[in-house]
C-alpha atoms as a PDB file:
ATOM      1  CA  MET A   1       0.000   0.000   0.000  1.00  0.00           C
ATOM      2  CA  ALA A   2       1.277   3.458  -0.927  1.00  0.00           C
ATOM      3  CA  GLU A   3       2.324   5.730   1.898  1.00  0.00           C
ATOM      4  CA  TYR A   4       2.228   9.445   2.453  1.00  0.00           C
ATOM      5  CA  ILE A   5       5.332  11.419   1.603  1.00  0.00           C
ATOM      6  CA  HIS A   6       5.986  15.071   2.349  1.00  0.00           C
ATOM      7  CA  VAL A   7       6.661  16.919  -0.895  1.00  0.00           C
ATOM      8  CA  ALA A   8       7.548  20.537  -1.628  1.00  0.00           C
ATOM      9  CA  HIS A   9       6.688  22.316  -4.875  1.00  0.00           C
ATOM     10  CA  THR A  10      10.035  22.726  -6.627  1.00  0.00           C
ATOM     11  CA  PHE A  11       9.390  24.765  -9.765  1.00  0.00           C
ATOM     12  CA  ALA A  12       8.495  28.404 -10.207  1.00  0.00           C
ATOM     13  CA  PRO A  13       5.225  29.911 -11.361  1.00  0.00           C
ATOM     14  CA  VAL A  14       5.037  31.026 -14.980  1.00  0.00           C
ATOM     15  CA  PHE A  15       4.059  34.675 -15.341  1.00  0.00           C
ATOM     16  CA  ASP A  16       5.211  38.101 -16.362  1.00  0.00           C
ATOM     17  CA  GLU A  17       4.027  41.657 -15.781  1.00  0.00           C
ATOM     18  CA  LYS A  18       1.392  41.264 -18.538  1.00  0.00           C
ATOM     19  CA  ALA A  19      -0.484  38.278 -17.053  1.00  0.00           C
ATOM     20  CA  GLU A  20      -4.208  38.990 -16.913  1.00  0.00           C
ATOM     21  CA  ILE A  21      -5.426  35.593 -15.795  1.00  0.00           C
ATOM     22  CA  LEU A  22      -3.990  33.182 -13.242  1.00  0.00           C
ATOM     23  CA  ILE A  23      -4.736  29.474 -13.504  1.00  0.00           C
ATOM     24  CA  LEU A  24      -4.099  27.461 -10.358  1.00  0.00           C
ATOM     25  CA  GLY A  25      -3.792  23.722  -9.996  1.00  0.00           C
ATOM     26  CA  SER A  26      -3.765  22.027  -6.628  1.00  0.00           C
ATOM     27  CA  PHE A  27      -0.325  20.372  -6.517  1.00  0.00           C
ATOM     28  CA  PRO A  28       1.870  18.847  -9.251  1.00  0.00           C
ATOM     29  CA  SER A  29       1.304  15.204 -10.148  1.00  0.00           C
ATOM     30  CA  VAL A  30       4.144  12.709  -9.881  1.00  0.00           C
ATOM     31  CA  LYS A  31       4.735  13.117 -13.631  1.00  0.00           C
ATOM     32  CA  SER A  32       4.777  16.917 -13.387  1.00  0.00           C
ATOM     33  CA  ARG A  33       7.226  16.704 -10.479  1.00  0.00           C
ATOM     34  CA  GLU A  34       9.458  14.444 -12.586  1.00  0.00           C
ATOM     35  CA  ASN A  35       9.255  16.872 -15.539  1.00  0.00           C
ATOM     36  CA  GLN A  36       9.571  19.941 -13.291  1.00  0.00           C
ATOM     37  CA  PHE A  37       6.711  21.621 -15.112  1.00  0.00           C
ATOM     38  CA  TYR A  38       2.953  21.993 -15.041  1.00  0.00           C
ATOM     39  CA  TYR A  39       0.489  19.440 -16.369  1.00  0.00           C
ATOM     40  CA  GLY A  40       3.126  16.908 -17.342  1.00  0.00           C
ATOM     41  CA  HIS A  41       0.906  13.835 -17.414  1.00  0.00           C
ATOM     42  CA  PRO A  42       0.326  13.006 -21.095  1.00  0.00           C
ATOM     43  CA  GLN A  43      -3.380  12.342 -20.468  1.00  0.00           C
ATOM     44  CA  ASN A  44      -4.003  15.692 -18.776  1.00  0.00           C
ATOM     45  CA  ARG A  45      -6.003  17.849 -21.177  1.00  0.00           C
ATOM     46  CA  PHE A  46      -4.803  21.229 -19.878  1.00  0.00           C
ATOM     47  CA  TRP A  47      -2.571  22.121 -22.839  1.00  0.00           C
ATOM     48  CA  LYS A  48      -5.111  20.927 -25.421  1.00  0.00           C
ATOM     49  CA  VAL A  49      -7.884  22.943 -23.784  1.00  0.00           C
ATOM     50  CA  LEU A  50      -5.871  26.155 -23.544  1.00  0.00           C
ATOM     51  CA  ALA A  51      -4.502  25.810 -27.076  1.00  0.00           C
ATOM     52  CA  SER A  52      -8.039  25.467 -28.389  1.00  0.00           C
ATOM     53  CA  VAL A  53      -9.320  28.383 -26.294  1.00  0.00           C
ATOM     54  CA  PHE A  54      -6.573  30.684 -27.579  1.00  0.00           C
ATOM     55  CA  GLY A  55      -6.593  29.350 -31.153  1.00  0.00           C
ATOM     56  CA  ASN A  56      -3.012  28.064 -31.045  1.00  0.00           C
ATOM     57  CA  ASP A  57      -1.265  24.792 -31.749  1.00  0.00           C
ATOM     58  CA  VAL A  58      -0.724  22.634 -28.681  1.00  0.00           C
ATOM     59  CA  PRO A  59       2.699  23.478 -27.236  1.00  0.00           C
ATOM     60  CA  VAL A  60       4.972  20.485 -26.712  1.00  0.00           C
ATOM     61  CA  THR A  61       8.228  21.451 -25.015  1.00  0.00           C
ATOM     62  CA  ILE A  62       8.502  23.285 -21.719  1.00  0.00           C
ATOM     63  CA  GLU A  63       9.904  26.323 -23.509  1.00  0.00           C
ATOM     64  CA  GLU A  64       6.994  26.296 -25.985  1.00  0.00           C
ATOM     65  CA  LYS A  65       4.534  26.021 -23.084  1.00  0.00           C
ATOM     66  CA  LYS A  66       6.113  28.955 -21.250  1.00  0.00           C
ATOM     67  CA  ALA A  67       6.092  31.103 -24.400  1.00  0.00           C
ATOM     68  CA  PHE A  68       2.477  30.101 -25.120  1.00  0.00           C
ATOM     69  CA  LEU A  69       1.352  31.135 -21.630  1.00  0.00           C
ATOM     70  CA  LEU A  70       3.144  34.475 -21.729  1.00  0.00           C
ATOM     71  CA  GLU A  71       1.925  35.277 -25.256  1.00  0.00           C
ATOM     72  CA  ASN A  72      -1.617  34.711 -24.009  1.00  0.00           C
ATOM     73  CA  HIS A  73      -1.213  36.827 -20.861  1.00  0.00           C
ATOM     74  CA  THR A  74      -1.687  33.752 -18.678  1.00  0.00           C
ATOM     75  CA  ALA A  75       0.023  32.868 -15.411  1.00  0.00           C
ATOM     76  CA  VAL A  76       0.116  29.300 -14.093  1.00  0.00           C
ATOM     77  CA  TRP A  77       0.930  28.102 -10.599  1.00  0.00           C
ATOM     78  CA  ASP A  78      -0.337  25.753  -7.921  1.00  0.00           C
ATOM     79  CA  VAL A  79      -2.129  26.478  -4.671  1.00  0.00           C
ATOM     80  CA  VAL A  80       0.012  24.164  -2.536  1.00  0.00           C
ATOM     81  CA  ALA A  81       3.637  24.946  -1.692  1.00  0.00           C
ATOM     82  CA  SER A  82       4.106  21.699   0.238  1.00  0.00           C
ATOM     83  CA  CYS A  83       1.975  18.890   1.581  1.00  0.00           C
ATOM     84  CA  ASP A  84       1.752  15.244   2.503  1.00  0.00           C
ATOM     85  CA  ILE A  85       0.396  13.253  -0.431  1.00  0.00           C
ATOM     86  CA  ILE A  86       0.091   9.720  -1.751  1.00  0.00           C
ATOM     87  CA  GLY A  87       1.228   9.642  -5.381  1.00  0.00           C
ATOM     88  CA  SER A  88      -0.730  12.180  -7.416  1.00  0.00           C
ATOM     89  CA  SER A  89      -4.033  11.833  -5.590  1.00  0.00           C
ATOM     90  CA  ASP A  90      -5.575  15.204  -4.724  1.00  0.00           C
ATOM     91  CA  SER A  91      -7.918  13.440  -2.322  1.00  0.00           C
ATOM     92  CA  THR A  92      -4.959  12.468  -0.118  1.00  0.00           C
ATOM     93  CA  ILE A  93      -3.482  15.961   0.246  1.00  0.00           C
ATOM     94  CA  LYS A  94      -3.007  16.972   3.891  1.00  0.00           C
ATOM     95  CA  ASN A  95      -0.711  19.124   6.049  1.00  0.00           C
ATOM     96  CA  VAL A  96      -0.849  21.893   3.460  1.00  0.00           C
ATOM     97  CA  GLU A  97       1.280  24.994   3.224  1.00  0.00           C
ATOM     98  CA  GLY A  98      -0.239  27.333   0.655  1.00  0.00           C
ATOM     99  CA  ASN A  99       1.691  29.385  -1.878  1.00  0.00           C
ATOM    100  CA  ASP A 100       1.790  33.160  -1.428  1.00  0.00           C
ATOM    101  CA  MET A 101      -0.301  34.463  -4.320  1.00  0.00           C
ATOM    102  CA  ASP A 102       1.201  37.937  -3.866  1.00  0.00           C
ATOM    103  CA  VAL A 103       4.287  36.615  -5.681  1.00  0.00           C
ATOM    104  CA  ILE A 104       2.189  37.029  -8.838  1.00  0.00           C
ATOM    105  CA  LEU A 105      -0.638  39.362  -7.840  1.00  0.00           C
ATOM    106  CA  THR A 106       1.639  42.260  -6.808  1.00  0.00           C
ATOM    107  CA  LYS A 107       3.537  42.112 -10.110  1.00  0.00           C
ATOM    108  CA  ALA A 108       0.880  41.346 -12.731  1.00  0.00           C
ATOM    109  CA  PRO A 109      -2.493  42.943 -13.539  1.00  0.00           C
ATOM    110  CA  VAL A 110      -4.432  39.702 -12.989  1.00  0.00           C
ATOM    111  CA  ARG A 111      -8.154  40.245 -13.650  1.00  0.00           C
ATOM    112  CA  ARG A 112      -9.367  36.791 -12.647  1.00  0.00           C
ATOM    113  CA  ILE A 113      -8.122  33.653 -10.931  1.00  0.00           C
ATOM    114  CA  PHE A 114      -9.197  30.258 -12.257  1.00  0.00           C
ATOM    115  CA  ALA A 115      -8.970  27.098 -10.177  1.00  0.00           C
ATOM    116  CA  ASN A 116      -8.421  23.965 -12.248  1.00  0.00           C
ATOM    117  CA  GLY A 117     -10.857  21.652 -10.450  1.00  0.00           C
ATOM    118  CA  ASP A 118     -12.699  21.413  -7.152  1.00  0.00           C
ATOM    119  CA  LYS A 119      -9.666  20.542  -5.030  1.00  0.00           C
ATOM    120  CA  ALA A 120      -7.646  23.515  -6.282  1.00  0.00           C
ATOM    121  CA  TYR A 121     -10.645  25.750  -5.584  1.00  0.00           C
ATOM    122  CA  GLN A 122     -11.205  24.397  -2.073  1.00  0.00           C
ATOM    123  CA  LEU A 123      -7.517  24.609  -1.173  1.00  0.00           C
ATOM    124  CA  PHE A 124      -7.266  28.136  -2.573  1.00  0.00           C
ATOM    125  CA  LEU A 125     -10.186  29.326  -0.448  1.00  0.00           C
ATOM    126  CA  LYS A 126      -8.762  27.678   2.673  1.00  0.00           C
ATOM    127  CA  TYR A 127      -5.076  28.575   2.352  1.00  0.00           C
ATOM    128  CA  CYS A 128      -4.587  31.418  -0.132  1.00  0.00           C
ATOM    129  CA  LYS A 129      -7.673  33.630  -0.481  1.00  0.00           C
ATOM    130  CA  ARG A 130      -7.142  37.150   0.789  1.00  0.00           C
ATOM    131  CA  GLU A 131      -9.214  40.297   0.692  1.00  0.00           C
ATOM    132  CA  GLY A 132      -8.591  42.424  -2.361  1.00  0.00           C
ATOM    133  CA  GLN A 133      -7.648  39.566  -4.682  1.00  0.00           C
ATOM    134  CA  PRO A 134      -9.340  39.149  -8.052  1.00  0.00           C
ATOM    135  CA  ALA A 135     -12.426  36.932  -8.197  1.00  0.00           C
ATOM    136  CA  VAL A 136     -11.779  33.204  -8.314  1.00  0.00           C
ATOM    137  CA  CYS A 137     -13.696  30.916 -10.653  1.00  0.00           C
ATOM    138  CA  ARG A 138     -13.820  27.144 -10.254  1.00  0.00           C
ATOM    139  CA  LEU A 139     -13.396  25.373 -13.599  1.00  0.00           C
ATOM    140  CA  PRO A 140     -13.815  21.649 -14.242  1.00  0.00           C
ATOM    141  CA  SER A 141     -10.569  19.779 -13.846  1.00  0.00           C
ATOM    142  CA  THR A 142      -8.539  18.908 -16.935  1.00  0.00           C
ATOM    143  CA  SER A 143      -7.213  15.834 -15.113  1.00  0.00           C
ATOM    144  CA  PRO A 144      -7.704  12.441 -16.745  1.00  0.00           C
ATOM    145  CA  ALA A 145      -9.476  11.470 -13.495  1.00  0.00           C
ATOM    146  CA  ASN A 146     -12.309  13.818 -14.533  1.00  0.00           C
ATOM    147  CA  ALA A 147     -13.610  11.429 -17.190  1.00  0.00           C
ATOM    148  CA  ALA A 148     -17.148  12.838 -16.925  1.00  0.00           C
ATOM    149  CA  TRP A 149     -16.007  15.891 -18.903  1.00  0.00           C
ATOM    150  CA  SER A 150     -15.096  15.419 -22.573  1.00  0.00           C
ATOM    151  CA  LEU A 151     -12.368  17.506 -24.172  1.00  0.00           C
ATOM    152  CA  GLU A 152     -15.032  19.393 -26.141  1.00  0.00           C
ATOM    153  CA  ARG A 153     -17.078  20.177 -23.033  1.00  0.00           C
ATOM    154  CA  LEU A 154     -13.982  21.296 -21.107  1.00  0.00           C
ATOM    155  CA  THR A 155     -12.899  23.535 -23.975  1.00  0.00           C
ATOM    156  CA  GLU A 156     -16.340  25.125 -24.246  1.00  0.00           C
ATOM    157  CA  THR A 157     -16.567  25.855 -20.517  1.00  0.00           C
ATOM    158  CA  TRP A 158     -12.981  27.039 -20.097  1.00  0.00           C
ATOM    159  CA  GLY A 159     -13.244  29.161 -23.246  1.00  0.00           C
ATOM    160  CA  ARG A 160     -16.421  30.897 -22.129  1.00  0.00           C
ATOM    161  CA  GLU A 161     -14.935  31.780 -18.730  1.00  0.00           C
ATOM    162  CA  ILE A 162     -11.528  32.872 -19.992  1.00  0.00           C
ATOM    163  CA  ARG A 163     -13.015  34.990 -22.784  1.00  0.00           C
ATOM    164  CA  SER A 164     -15.297  36.716 -20.278  1.00  0.00           C
ATOM    165  CA  ALA A 165     -12.272  37.584 -18.136  1.00  0.00           C
ATOM    166  CA  LEU A 166     -10.381  38.967 -21.129  1.00  0.00           C
ATOM    167  CA  VAL A 167     -13.285  40.753 -22.806  1.00  0.00           C
ATOM    168  CA  CYS A 168     -11.653  44.109 -22.134  1.00  0.00           C
ATOM    169  CA  GLY A 169      -8.200  42.659 -22.656  1.00  0.00           C
ATOM    170  CA  PRO A 170      -5.327  43.851 -24.792  1.00  0.00           C
ATOM    171  CA  ALA A 171      -5.744  44.276 -28.520  1.00  0.00           C
ATOM    172  CA  SER A 172      -3.584  41.209 -29.192  1.00  0.00           C
ATOM    173  CA  VAL A 173      -6.121  39.017 -27.412  1.00  0.00           C
ATOM    174  CA  GLN A 174      -9.107  40.685 -29.035  1.00  0.00           C
ATOM    175  CA  ARG A 175      -7.603  40.253 -32.516  1.00  0.00           C
ATOM    176  CA  ARG A 176      -7.516  36.498 -31.973  1.00  0.00           C
ATOM    177  CA  GLY A 177     -11.243  36.579 -31.288  1.00  0.00           C
ATOM    178  CA  ASN A 178     -10.942  35.959 -27.568  1.00  0.00           C
END
């Protein structure tokens, strides 16, 4: 039987001073921790969903993913800085230390925060939510464990929410129809 291990988040958030949305996961999966980058499990639909929402090709390498996020004024991070966890299971997360969202929110004009799934949303509210932060929106998880949501349904829901956050966004975003 698998046992709890204490794990710290070991890679930095992706953002710059132009980030208008912040997407938060709960904590990196085993595969993401191995890759040292976000949404590293090949079955996670995160990159496919965002590429479709922004009308881009799906980025493949870490450098392509970073460039894609920055070009689309999107920051990505996780709610949890460290925790006890079994494997990649969000349901086992305990003894949480939350990340300090001010690392991003004091440097970027974030309009809206999106939580990738229920667990990220719950953990954000418990450990990271502070007065004065942008509104947080819970989106359906892109995890392969969320089999109830098809890629098409995820893309439609994520697209609607992200476009609403960027409706008054920079001309570069509006030109792409988002």
